[in-house]
Amino acid sequence: MPPVVVWFRQDLRLAGQLALAAAAASGRPVIPVYILDDEAPDLWRPGGASRWWLNRSLAALAESLDTIGSRLILRKGSALATLTGLIEETGATTIYTQAAYEPWATALEQRLHTAMSERGVEFKRMAGGVLKRSDTIRTKTGQPFKVYTPYWRAFQATGPVAKPVAAPTSLAKPARWPKTDKLADWGLHPTTPDWSRGLDAAWTPGEVGAKKRLVTFLDQALGAYADDRNRPDRPGTSKLSPHLHFGEISPATCWYAALDAAHRAAAQGKTVDNGLETFQRELVWREFSVNLLTIAPDLPTAPFKPEFARFPWRTDPTGLRAWQRGQTGFPIVDAGMRELWHTGWMHNRVRMITASFLIKDLLIPWQEGEAWFWDTLVDADLASNAASWQWVAGCGADAAPYFRVFNPTLQGAKFDPDGAYIRRWVPELARLPNAHLNEPWNAPPLVLSAAGITLGKTYPHPIVDHASARDRALAALKTLSA
């Protein structure tokens, strides 16, 4: 009986994996394979933080497959050439995979379907990574949605989310296993220098880690999620984004686990309805972003609103570097950028604040921030990253108006009222009283001295005056209508 190939991509798990389930159900020998392919354009190949996560996630997937009597074959190179060679080596007659949605990934799938059909090999592309395919969520005229709220309503109206399939308990082995690369030889883990200690302490990549993260969130944070998700000083977010991006857990698993948690809470006389709906809406926001990328493949590089192509951006390498290093002189911005560098992640509210600062206070193009996040985020996802940066910039679909400019001082005081977040990531300000924590430049000299702060030496002066920068941003916006 000829074997089948399961091509893993952004679905590094056993449970809720349609391609793997279909291959197991075929009753034929299964060859799981992951290909490190450079199909993506240079700018969008996995960044440093993503490569660190991928290394850990592949090791975890290999271990999971080993527990059910299988193994993970690793190959590096062109996916088309590698899969063609694997078919010739093994005599496999079917390839199962789950869909990916980046422009180059869908184009690759089309080429593979054609190439395999010419060889008499079935190429079976299963839905994956989403609760519902975006092409099933359409307006009454059959057009894709460009605004989130009606997309959410249409999503709800299309029926229930399909429940995730169970993980296979065993996989039939091929008569002979093909050769595999060694994961360590791929050089995914940083070495010179190894900057990943903060990531090591913050994350447990892999399917087991994803499930533990989900359980912790549902037990401890779901009820207050609607409010606490905006508080960087509290553990109020799910932190599931990297696990979802790499497919270590399916969104359907998260969806139904949250429903079960809500039912358990109701049985105990508690209610988590606000948290539940907010969490579900966040899961669907990921899918709305995929929808946008599908209808606008250049979303990562070009403004969704074409008039913004004429926006008078500034070239400011000094300002960009200060932003990247968390040395802007605005504590909430610096805290977020340092959290990102240390852990590969940043709280979502702070992502909006830091993005607004780069775009509107400094007038640096949103693509510069998007590229930095791509390299440093463990959850760097092309659709979500591009859609979110364009949302803040005001040039995307469903965008906040460009004239909405986050005031970093007010945002810090509102969402980190006791200063716990800032003090953790900007320790040089730790002794500064709350009254001056978000604007140390206005603190009296005696207060700064008592806190051990010398502006310009131990902590930078603000690199821009926010009020003036806001006026400059609004003046730049007016040029689009001139």
Protein backbone atom coordinates (compact mmCIF):
# COMPACT_ATOMS: atom_id res chain seq x y z
CA MET A 1 0.00 0.00 0.00
CA PRO A 2 1.63 3.31 -1.05
CA PRO A 3 2.13 5.88 1.71
CA VAL A 4 0.68 9.36 1.99
CA VAL A 5 2.57 12.53 2.88
CA VAL A 6 1.33 15.03 5.43
CA TRP A 7 2.97 18.37 4.79
CA PHE A 8 3.02 20.40 8.01
CA ARG A 9 3.19 24.17 7.67
CA GLN A 10 1.55 26.54 10.17
CA ASP A 11 -0.27 23.69 11.88
CA LEU A 12 2.33 22.18 14.20
CA ARG A 13 0.02 20.02 16.28
CA LEU A 14 -1.80 16.68 16.30
CA ALA A 15 -5.26 17.67 17.60
CA GLY A 16 -7.66 19.60 15.40
CA GLN A 17 -5.45 18.96 12.39
CA LEU A 18 -7.67 18.09 9.42
CA ALA A 19 -4.86 17.05 7.08
CA LEU A 20 -3.35 14.69 9.63
CA ALA A 21 -6.77 13.28 10.56
CA ALA A 22 -7.62 12.61 6.92
CA ALA A 23 -4.28 10.91 6.33
CA ALA A 24 -4.72 8.74 9.43
CA ALA A 25 -8.26 7.79 8.36
CA SER A 26 -6.98 6.63 4.98
CA GLY A 27 -5.40 3.63 6.71
CA ARG A 28 -2.25 4.05 4.64
CA PRO A 29 1.29 4.61 5.93
CA VAL A 30 1.82 8.27 6.83
CA ILE A 31 4.98 10.30 6.30
CA PRO A 32 4.84 13.61 8.20
CA VAL A 33 7.18 16.24 6.77
CA TYR A 34 8.10 19.85 7.50
CA ILE A 35 9.96 21.85 4.85
CA LEU A 36 11.99 24.94 5.69
CA ASP A 37 11.26 26.81 2.48
CA ASP A 38 12.35 30.27 1.38
CA GLU A 39 9.31 30.78 -0.82
CA ALA A 40 8.44 34.04 0.97
CA PRO A 41 10.00 37.32 -0.18
CA ASP A 42 13.16 38.25 1.74
CA LEU A 43 11.34 40.83 3.89
CA TRP A 44 8.75 38.31 5.07
CA ARG A 45 10.89 35.27 5.74
CA PRO A 46 10.63 34.30 9.42
CA GLY A 47 12.32 36.85 11.68
CA GLY A 48 14.69 36.05 14.50
CA ALA A 49 12.00 35.60 17.16
CA SER A 50 9.87 33.45 14.85
CA ARG A 51 12.85 31.24 14.02
CA TRP A 52 13.50 30.74 17.74
CA TRP A 53 9.87 29.70 18.24
CA LEU A 54 9.85 27.47 15.16
CA ASN A 55 12.89 25.59 16.45
CA ARG A 56 11.15 24.79 19.73
CA SER A 57 7.82 24.05 18.11
CA LEU A 58 9.26 21.57 15.60
CA ALA A 59 11.08 19.76 18.40
CA ALA A 60 7.80 19.51 20.32
CA LEU A 61 5.93 18.26 17.23
CA ALA A 62 8.58 15.60 16.60
CA GLU A 63 8.21 14.43 20.20
CA SER A 64 4.41 14.26 19.88
CA LEU A 65 4.64 12.23 16.69
CA ASP A 66 7.11 9.89 18.37
CA THR A 67 4.56 9.16 21.12
CA ILE A 68 2.11 7.79 18.52
CA GLY A 69 4.73 5.68 16.77
CA SER A 70 5.61 8.08 13.97
CA ARG A 71 8.33 10.61 13.23
CA LEU A 72 8.81 14.03 11.65
CA ILE A 73 10.87 14.23 8.46
CA LEU A 74 12.70 17.55 8.10
CA ARG A 75 13.80 18.90 4.74
CA LYS A 76 15.17 22.27 3.67
CA GLY A 77 14.69 23.80 0.24
CA SER A 78 12.01 24.51 -2.31
CA ALA A 79 8.71 22.96 -1.26
CA LEU A 80 7.89 22.03 -4.85
CA ALA A 81 11.24 20.35 -5.46
CA THR A 82 11.31 18.74 -2.02
CA LEU A 83 7.82 17.27 -2.23
CA THR A 84 8.47 16.08 -5.78
CA GLY A 85 11.63 14.34 -4.59
CA LEU A 86 9.83 12.83 -1.61
CA ILE A 87 7.12 11.43 -3.86
CA GLU A 88 9.77 9.81 -6.05
CA GLU A 89 11.63 8.41 -3.02
CA THR A 90 8.64 6.92 -1.26
CA GLY A 91 6.11 6.16 -3.98
CA ALA A 92 3.50 8.22 -2.13
CA THR A 93 0.40 8.96 -4.17
CA THR A 94 -1.28 11.61 -2.01
CA ILE A 95 -0.17 14.78 -0.24
CA TYR A 96 -2.33 16.20 2.53
CA THR A 97 -1.80 19.71 3.82
CA GLN A 98 -3.69 22.49 5.56
CA ALA A 99 -4.14 25.78 3.78
CA ALA A 100 -1.96 28.80 4.42
CA TYR A 101 -3.08 32.29 3.44
CA GLU A 102 -0.03 34.40 2.68
CA PRO A 103 0.05 35.42 -1.02
CA TRP A 104 3.13 33.34 -1.80
CA ALA A 105 1.68 30.35 0.08
CA THR A 106 -1.55 30.26 -1.92
CA ALA A 107 0.41 30.69 -5.15
CA LEU A 108 2.64 27.77 -4.12
CA GLU A 109 -0.39 25.61 -3.42
CA GLN A 110 -1.68 26.27 -6.94
CA ARG A 111 1.65 25.31 -8.49
CA LEU A 112 1.83 22.17 -6.37
CA HIS A 113 -1.69 21.14 -7.34
CA THR A 114 -0.81 21.46 -11.03
CA ALA A 115 2.59 19.76 -10.70
CA MET A 116 1.25 16.84 -8.66
CA SER A 117 -1.73 16.32 -10.94
CA GLU A 118 0.68 15.92 -13.86
CA ARG A 119 2.36 13.11 -11.89
CA GLY A 120 -0.90 11.44 -10.94
CA VAL A 121 -0.51 12.47 -7.30
CA GLU A 122 -3.46 13.85 -5.36
CA PHE A 123 -2.82 17.18 -3.64
CA LYS A 124 -5.44 17.58 -0.94
CA ARG A 125 -5.57 21.06 0.63
CA MET A 126 -7.68 21.12 3.78
CA ALA A 127 -9.08 24.20 5.50
CA GLY A 128 -6.82 25.17 8.35
CA GLY A 129 -5.88 27.87 10.80
CA VAL A 130 -9.29 29.54 10.84
CA LEU A 131 -12.70 29.02 12.39
CA LYS A 132 -14.43 29.56 9.04
CA ARG A 133 -13.04 30.15 5.57
CA SER A 134 -13.17 33.85 4.75
CA ASP A 135 -14.73 33.16 1.34
CA THR A 136 -17.82 31.89 3.16
CA ILE A 137 -18.28 35.25 4.95
CA ARG A 138 -19.65 37.63 2.33
CA THR A 139 -21.97 40.62 2.03
CA LYS A 140 -25.46 40.21 0.57
CA THR A 141 -24.01 41.09 -2.82
CA GLY A 142 -21.32 38.44 -2.49
CA GLN A 143 -18.47 40.86 -1.82
CA PRO A 144 -15.84 40.50 0.91
CA PHE A 145 -16.26 42.63 4.00
CA LYS A 146 -13.97 45.60 4.58
CA VAL A 147 -15.30 46.56 8.01
CA TYR A 148 -14.99 44.31 11.02
CA THR A 149 -18.35 44.74 12.81
CA PRO A 150 -20.52 43.58 9.88
CA TYR A 151 -17.99 40.79 9.29
CA TRP A 152 -18.51 39.66 12.89
CA ARG A 153 -22.31 39.72 12.48
CA ALA A 154 -22.09 37.75 9.24
CA PHE A 155 -19.73 35.28 10.92
CA GLN A 156 -22.29 34.68 13.64
CA ALA A 157 -25.07 34.23 11.08
CA THR A 158 -23.31 31.48 9.12
CA GLY A 159 -23.90 28.78 11.72
CA PRO A 160 -21.79 27.17 14.41
CA VAL A 161 -18.05 26.71 14.28
CA ALA A 162 -17.05 23.17 13.30
CA LYS A 163 -15.73 21.23 16.27
CA PRO A 164 -12.06 20.24 16.10
CA VAL A 165 -11.17 16.68 15.17
CA ALA A 166 -9.41 14.53 17.74
CA ALA A 167 -5.69 13.80 17.53
CA PRO A 168 -4.85 10.39 16.04
CA THR A 169 -3.67 7.84 18.57
CA SER A 170 -1.41 6.08 16.07
CA LEU A 171 -0.16 6.40 12.51
CA ALA A 172 0.76 3.57 10.20
CA LYS A 173 4.48 3.52 9.41
CA PRO A 174 5.98 3.38 5.91
CA ALA A 175 8.07 0.35 5.02
CA ARG A 176 11.13 2.60 5.00
CA TRP A 177 11.52 6.08 6.42
CA PRO A 178 13.07 8.68 4.10
CA LYS A 179 16.14 10.57 5.22
CA THR A 180 15.70 13.62 7.43
CA ASP A 181 17.72 16.70 8.29
CA LYS A 182 18.75 17.36 11.87
CA LEU A 183 16.86 20.26 13.40
CA ALA A 184 20.03 21.59 15.05
CA ASP A 185 21.69 21.92 11.64
CA TRP A 186 19.10 24.48 10.53
CA GLY A 187 20.54 27.14 12.84
CA LEU A 188 17.16 28.44 13.96
CA HIS A 189 18.34 29.06 17.51
CA PRO A 190 20.44 32.24 17.93
CA THR A 191 24.05 31.64 18.88
CA THR A 192 26.23 34.73 18.36
CA PRO A 193 24.96 36.13 20.59
CA ASP A 194 22.22 34.02 22.10
CA TRP A 195 19.68 36.74 22.90
CA SER A 196 16.85 34.29 23.65
CA ARG A 197 17.04 33.94 27.44
CA GLY A 198 14.06 36.20 27.95
CA LEU A 199 12.07 34.17 25.43
CA ASP A 200 13.10 30.95 27.13
CA ALA A 201 11.75 32.24 30.45
CA ALA A 202 8.50 33.58 28.99
CA TRP A 203 7.27 30.83 26.66
CA THR A 204 6.73 27.09 26.24
CA PRO A 205 6.34 26.54 22.48
CA GLY A 206 4.54 23.43 21.29
CA GLU A 207 1.11 21.85 21.52
CA VAL A 208 1.44 20.97 25.21
CA GLY A 209 2.48 24.51 26.07
CA ALA A 210 -0.42 25.90 24.04
CA LYS A 211 -2.96 23.78 25.89
CA LYS A 212 -1.52 24.79 29.27
CA ARG A 213 -1.62 28.45 28.26
CA LEU A 214 -5.28 28.11 27.23
CA VAL A 215 -6.28 26.40 30.47
CA THR A 216 -4.50 29.04 32.57
CA PHE A 217 -6.21 31.85 30.68
CA LEU A 218 -9.68 30.34 30.93
CA ASP A 219 -9.29 29.56 34.63
CA GLN A 220 -7.76 32.86 35.67
CA ALA A 221 -8.62 35.60 33.20
CA LEU A 222 -11.66 34.89 31.00
CA GLY A 223 -14.20 36.49 33.34
CA ALA A 224 -12.38 39.84 33.43
CA TYR A 225 -11.00 39.66 29.90
CA ALA A 226 -13.20 42.42 28.47
CA ASP A 227 -11.56 44.96 30.79
CA ASP A 228 -8.23 43.45 31.81
CA ARG A 229 -7.05 42.85 28.25
CA ASN A 230 -6.37 46.61 28.15
CA ARG A 231 -4.25 46.56 31.30
CA PRO A 232 -0.57 45.76 30.67
CA ASP A 233 -0.01 45.70 34.43
CA ARG A 234 -2.29 42.65 34.80
CA PRO A 235 -2.11 39.10 33.39
CA GLY A 236 -5.39 39.69 31.59
CA THR A 237 -4.62 38.56 28.03
CA SER A 238 -4.58 35.02 26.68
CA LYS A 239 -1.04 35.14 25.21
CA LEU A 240 -2.23 32.52 22.76
CA SER A 241 -1.23 34.49 19.66
CA PRO A 242 2.10 32.74 18.96
CA HIS A 243 0.56 29.33 19.61
CA LEU A 244 -2.24 30.17 17.16
CA HIS A 245 0.14 31.56 14.56
CA PHE A 246 2.26 28.41 14.51
CA GLY A 247 -0.84 26.24 14.65
CA GLU A 248 0.08 24.55 17.94
CA ILE A 249 -3.56 24.91 18.89
CA SER A 250 -6.54 25.44 16.62
CA PRO A 251 -8.85 28.44 16.95
CA ALA A 252 -11.76 25.99 17.13
CA THR A 253 -10.19 24.35 20.19
CA CYS A 254 -9.92 27.78 21.81
CA TRP A 255 -13.49 28.65 20.81
CA TYR A 256 -15.07 25.55 22.31
CA ALA A 257 -12.85 25.51 25.38
CA ALA A 258 -14.00 29.07 26.13
CA LEU A 259 -17.63 28.03 25.68
CA ASP A 260 -17.13 25.11 28.07
CA ALA A 261 -15.49 27.43 30.61
CA ALA A 262 -18.45 29.81 30.38
CA HIS A 263 -20.90 26.94 30.94
CA ARG A 264 -18.94 25.78 33.99
CA ALA A 265 -18.94 29.30 35.38
CA ALA A 266 -22.71 29.59 34.84
CA ALA A 267 -23.25 26.32 36.71
CA GLN A 268 -21.42 27.88 39.66
CA GLY A 269 -23.58 31.00 39.55
CA LYS A 270 -20.88 33.11 37.88
CA THR A 271 -20.98 34.87 34.54
CA VAL A 272 -18.15 35.40 32.09
CA ASP A 273 -20.34 36.41 29.15
CA ASN A 274 -18.56 39.71 28.47
CA GLY A 275 -15.17 38.07 28.59
CA LEU A 276 -16.35 35.19 26.43
CA GLU A 277 -17.74 37.37 23.66
CA THR A 278 -14.71 39.65 23.72
CA PHE A 279 -12.41 36.64 23.40
CA GLN A 280 -14.48 35.21 20.55
CA ARG A 281 -14.42 38.55 18.76
CA GLU A 282 -10.63 38.62 19.06
CA LEU A 283 -10.40 35.16 17.50
CA VAL A 284 -12.59 36.34 14.64
CA TRP A 285 -10.49 39.52 14.24
CA ARG A 286 -7.62 37.22 13.21
CA GLU A 287 -9.85 35.83 10.48
CA PHE A 288 -10.95 39.28 9.36
CA SER A 289 -7.27 40.10 8.91
CA VAL A 290 -6.87 36.97 6.76
CA ASN A 291 -9.88 38.15 4.78
CA LEU A 292 -8.19 41.51 4.17
CA LEU A 293 -4.95 39.87 3.07
CA THR A 294 -6.90 37.67 0.67
CA ILE A 295 -8.56 40.62 -1.03
CA ALA A 296 -5.46 42.86 -0.82
CA PRO A 297 -2.32 40.72 -1.22
CA ASP A 298 -0.15 43.84 -1.01
CA LEU A 299 -1.57 44.71 2.43
CA PRO A 300 1.85 44.31 4.13
CA THR A 301 3.47 46.93 1.91
CA ALA A 302 0.83 49.25 0.44
CA PRO A 303 -1.91 51.30 2.15
CA PHE A 304 -5.37 49.79 1.86
CA LYS A 305 -6.63 53.33 1.26
CA PRO A 306 -4.63 54.29 -1.84
CA GLU A 307 -4.68 58.04 -1.11
CA PHE A 308 -2.25 57.39 1.74
CA ALA A 309 0.43 56.55 -0.81
CA ARG A 310 0.88 60.36 -1.03
CA PHE A 311 1.33 60.85 2.71
CA PRO A 312 4.44 62.97 3.52
CA TRP A 313 6.36 60.56 5.74
CA ARG A 314 9.69 61.51 7.30
CA THR A 315 13.00 59.70 7.11
CA ASP A 316 14.30 59.67 10.69
CA PRO A 317 16.83 56.91 11.41
CA THR A 318 17.71 58.42 14.79
CA GLY A 319 14.07 58.47 15.89
CA LEU A 320 13.50 54.96 14.56
CA ARG A 321 16.50 53.65 16.46
CA ALA A 322 15.38 55.32 19.69
CA TRP A 323 11.94 53.76 19.26
CA GLN A 324 13.37 50.31 18.57
CA ARG A 325 15.61 50.47 21.64
CA GLY A 326 12.96 51.82 24.02
CA GLN A 327 14.79 55.12 24.47
CA THR A 328 12.16 57.65 23.39
CA GLY A 329 11.78 59.36 26.77
CA PHE A 330 8.11 58.35 26.95
CA PRO A 331 7.89 55.65 29.65
CA ILE A 332 4.93 53.61 28.37
CA VAL A 333 6.42 53.52 24.86
CA ASP A 334 9.84 52.52 26.16
CA ALA A 335 8.34 49.87 28.43
CA GLY A 336 6.54 48.27 25.51
CA MET A 337 9.55 48.26 23.22
CA ARG A 338 11.73 46.72 25.92
CA GLU A 339 9.13 44.08 26.73
CA LEU A 340 9.12 43.21 23.02
CA TRP A 341 12.90 42.85 22.83
CA HIS A 342 13.13 40.81 26.03
CA THR A 343 10.17 38.45 25.56
CA GLY A 344 9.32 38.57 21.86
CA TRP A 345 5.84 39.83 22.69
CA MET A 346 4.10 43.05 23.62
CA HIS A 347 0.76 43.71 25.29
CA ASN A 348 -1.84 44.63 22.66
CA ARG A 349 -2.82 47.98 24.20
CA VAL A 350 0.85 48.93 24.30
CA ARG A 351 1.27 47.78 20.69
CA MET A 352 -1.28 50.41 19.72
CA ILE A 353 0.46 53.07 21.81
CA THR A 354 3.92 52.33 20.45
CA ALA A 355 2.64 52.10 16.88
CA SER A 356 0.81 55.41 17.17
CA PHE A 357 3.96 57.03 18.54
CA LEU A 358 6.09 55.83 15.63
CA ILE A 359 3.54 56.76 12.98
CA LYS A 360 2.04 59.97 14.32
CA ASP A 361 4.55 61.46 16.76
CA LEU A 362 7.56 60.68 14.58
CA LEU A 363 5.86 60.51 11.15
CA ILE A 364 7.87 57.40 10.33
CA PRO A 365 6.16 55.10 7.80
CA TRP A 366 4.11 52.32 9.35
CA GLN A 367 5.99 49.79 7.21
CA GLU A 368 9.14 50.45 9.27
CA GLY A 369 7.33 49.47 12.47
CA GLU A 370 5.68 46.51 10.80
CA ALA A 371 9.09 45.20 9.68
CA TRP A 372 10.54 45.62 13.20
CA PHE A 373 7.61 43.76 14.74
CA TRP A 374 7.99 41.05 12.11
CA ASP A 375 11.56 40.40 13.20
CA THR A 376 11.05 40.66 16.95
CA LEU A 377 7.57 39.21 17.65
CA VAL A 378 7.16 35.52 18.37
CA ASP A 379 3.59 35.88 17.08
CA ALA A 380 4.57 37.70 13.88
CA ASP A 381 1.66 36.93 11.57
CA LEU A 382 1.55 38.57 8.14
CA ALA A 383 -2.19 39.22 8.04
CA SER A 384 -2.62 40.37 11.65
CA ASN A 385 0.59 42.41 11.68
CA ALA A 386 -0.22 44.25 8.45
CA ALA A 387 -3.88 44.84 9.28
CA SER A 388 -3.08 46.12 12.76
CA TRP A 389 -0.36 48.53 11.64
CA GLN A 390 -2.63 49.90 8.94
CA TRP A 391 -5.45 50.22 11.49
CA VAL A 392 -3.30 52.42 13.71
CA ALA A 393 -1.98 54.37 10.72
CA GLY A 394 -5.55 55.13 9.61
CA CYS A 395 -4.91 53.85 6.09
CA GLY A 396 -6.35 50.36 6.50
CA ALA A 397 -9.78 48.80 6.35
CA ASP A 398 -12.00 49.43 9.37
CA ALA A 399 -9.36 51.92 10.45
CA ALA A 400 -9.33 54.29 13.36
CA PRO A 401 -9.37 57.83 11.95
CA TYR A 402 -5.92 59.17 11.27
CA PHE A 403 -6.65 62.13 13.54
CA ARG A 404 -6.95 59.76 16.51
CA VAL A 405 -3.50 60.19 18.03
CA PHE A 406 -2.69 58.29 21.20
CA ASN A 407 -1.27 60.50 23.94
CA PRO A 408 1.39 58.25 25.52
CA THR A 409 1.32 60.12 28.82
CA LEU A 410 -2.45 59.79 29.24
CA GLN A 411 -2.46 56.20 27.97
CA GLY A 412 0.17 55.18 30.50
CA ALA A 413 -1.67 56.83 33.38
CA LYS A 414 -5.00 55.27 32.37
CA PHE A 415 -3.97 51.69 31.64
CA ASP A 416 -1.01 51.35 34.02
CA PRO A 417 -2.36 53.47 36.88
CA ASP A 418 -0.02 52.14 39.56
CA GLY A 419 2.98 52.09 37.24
CA ALA A 420 3.69 48.39 37.70
CA TYR A 421 4.24 47.78 33.98
CA ILE A 422 6.51 50.78 33.48
CA ARG A 423 8.53 50.02 36.61
CA ARG A 424 9.09 46.45 35.47
CA TRP A 425 10.42 47.31 32.02
CA VAL A 426 11.94 50.74 32.70
CA PRO A 427 13.60 50.06 36.06
CA GLU A 428 15.58 53.31 36.00
CA LEU A 429 12.25 55.04 36.74
CA ALA A 430 11.18 52.62 39.48
CA ARG A 431 11.63 55.09 42.34
CA LEU A 432 9.74 57.89 40.66
CA PRO A 433 6.34 58.68 42.27
CA ASN A 434 3.23 57.85 40.27
CA ALA A 435 2.41 61.54 39.83
CA HIS A 436 5.50 61.94 37.63
CA LEU A 437 6.05 58.43 36.29
CA ASN A 438 4.51 59.04 32.87
CA GLU A 439 6.12 62.44 32.39
CA PRO A 440 9.49 62.49 34.18
CA TRP A 441 10.50 65.60 32.22
CA ASN A 442 7.97 67.54 34.31
CA ALA A 443 9.16 66.19 37.67
CA PRO A 444 10.84 68.74 39.99
CA PRO A 445 14.63 68.42 40.21
CA LEU A 446 14.48 67.30 43.84
CA VAL A 447 12.03 64.51 42.95
CA LEU A 448 14.26 63.32 40.12
CA SER A 449 17.31 63.44 42.35
CA ALA A 450 15.58 61.45 45.10
CA ALA A 451 14.64 58.83 42.50
CA GLY A 452 18.22 58.62 41.22
CA ILE A 453 17.30 60.00 37.81
CA THR A 454 19.36 62.37 35.69
CA LEU A 455 17.46 63.15 32.51
CA GLY A 456 19.68 62.82 29.49
CA LYS A 457 21.98 60.40 31.32
CA THR A 458 20.08 57.70 33.23
CA TYR A 459 16.91 58.21 31.19
CA PRO A 460 16.50 60.18 27.95
CA HIS A 461 14.72 63.45 27.46
CA PRO A 462 11.61 63.06 25.24
CA ILE A 463 12.74 62.86 21.63
CA VAL A 464 9.70 64.86 20.54
CA ASP A 465 7.13 67.22 22.04
CA HIS A 466 3.86 65.30 21.79
CA ALA A 467 1.58 68.32 21.39
CA SER A 468 3.68 69.74 18.56
CA ALA A 469 4.05 66.31 16.98
CA ARG A 470 0.28 65.84 17.02
CA ASP A 471 -0.21 69.16 15.24
CA ARG A 472 2.43 68.18 12.68
CA ALA A 473 0.69 64.84 12.05
CA LEU A 474 -2.68 66.49 11.52
CA ALA A 475 -1.13 69.04 9.17
CA ALA A 476 0.41 66.19 7.18
CA LEU A 477 -3.00 64.52 6.95
CA LYS A 478 -4.53 67.65 5.45
CA THR A 479 -2.12 67.44 2.53
CA LEU A 480 -4.01 64.38 1.29
CA SER A 481 -7.09 66.48 0.62
CA ALA A 482 -5.24 69.48 -0.74
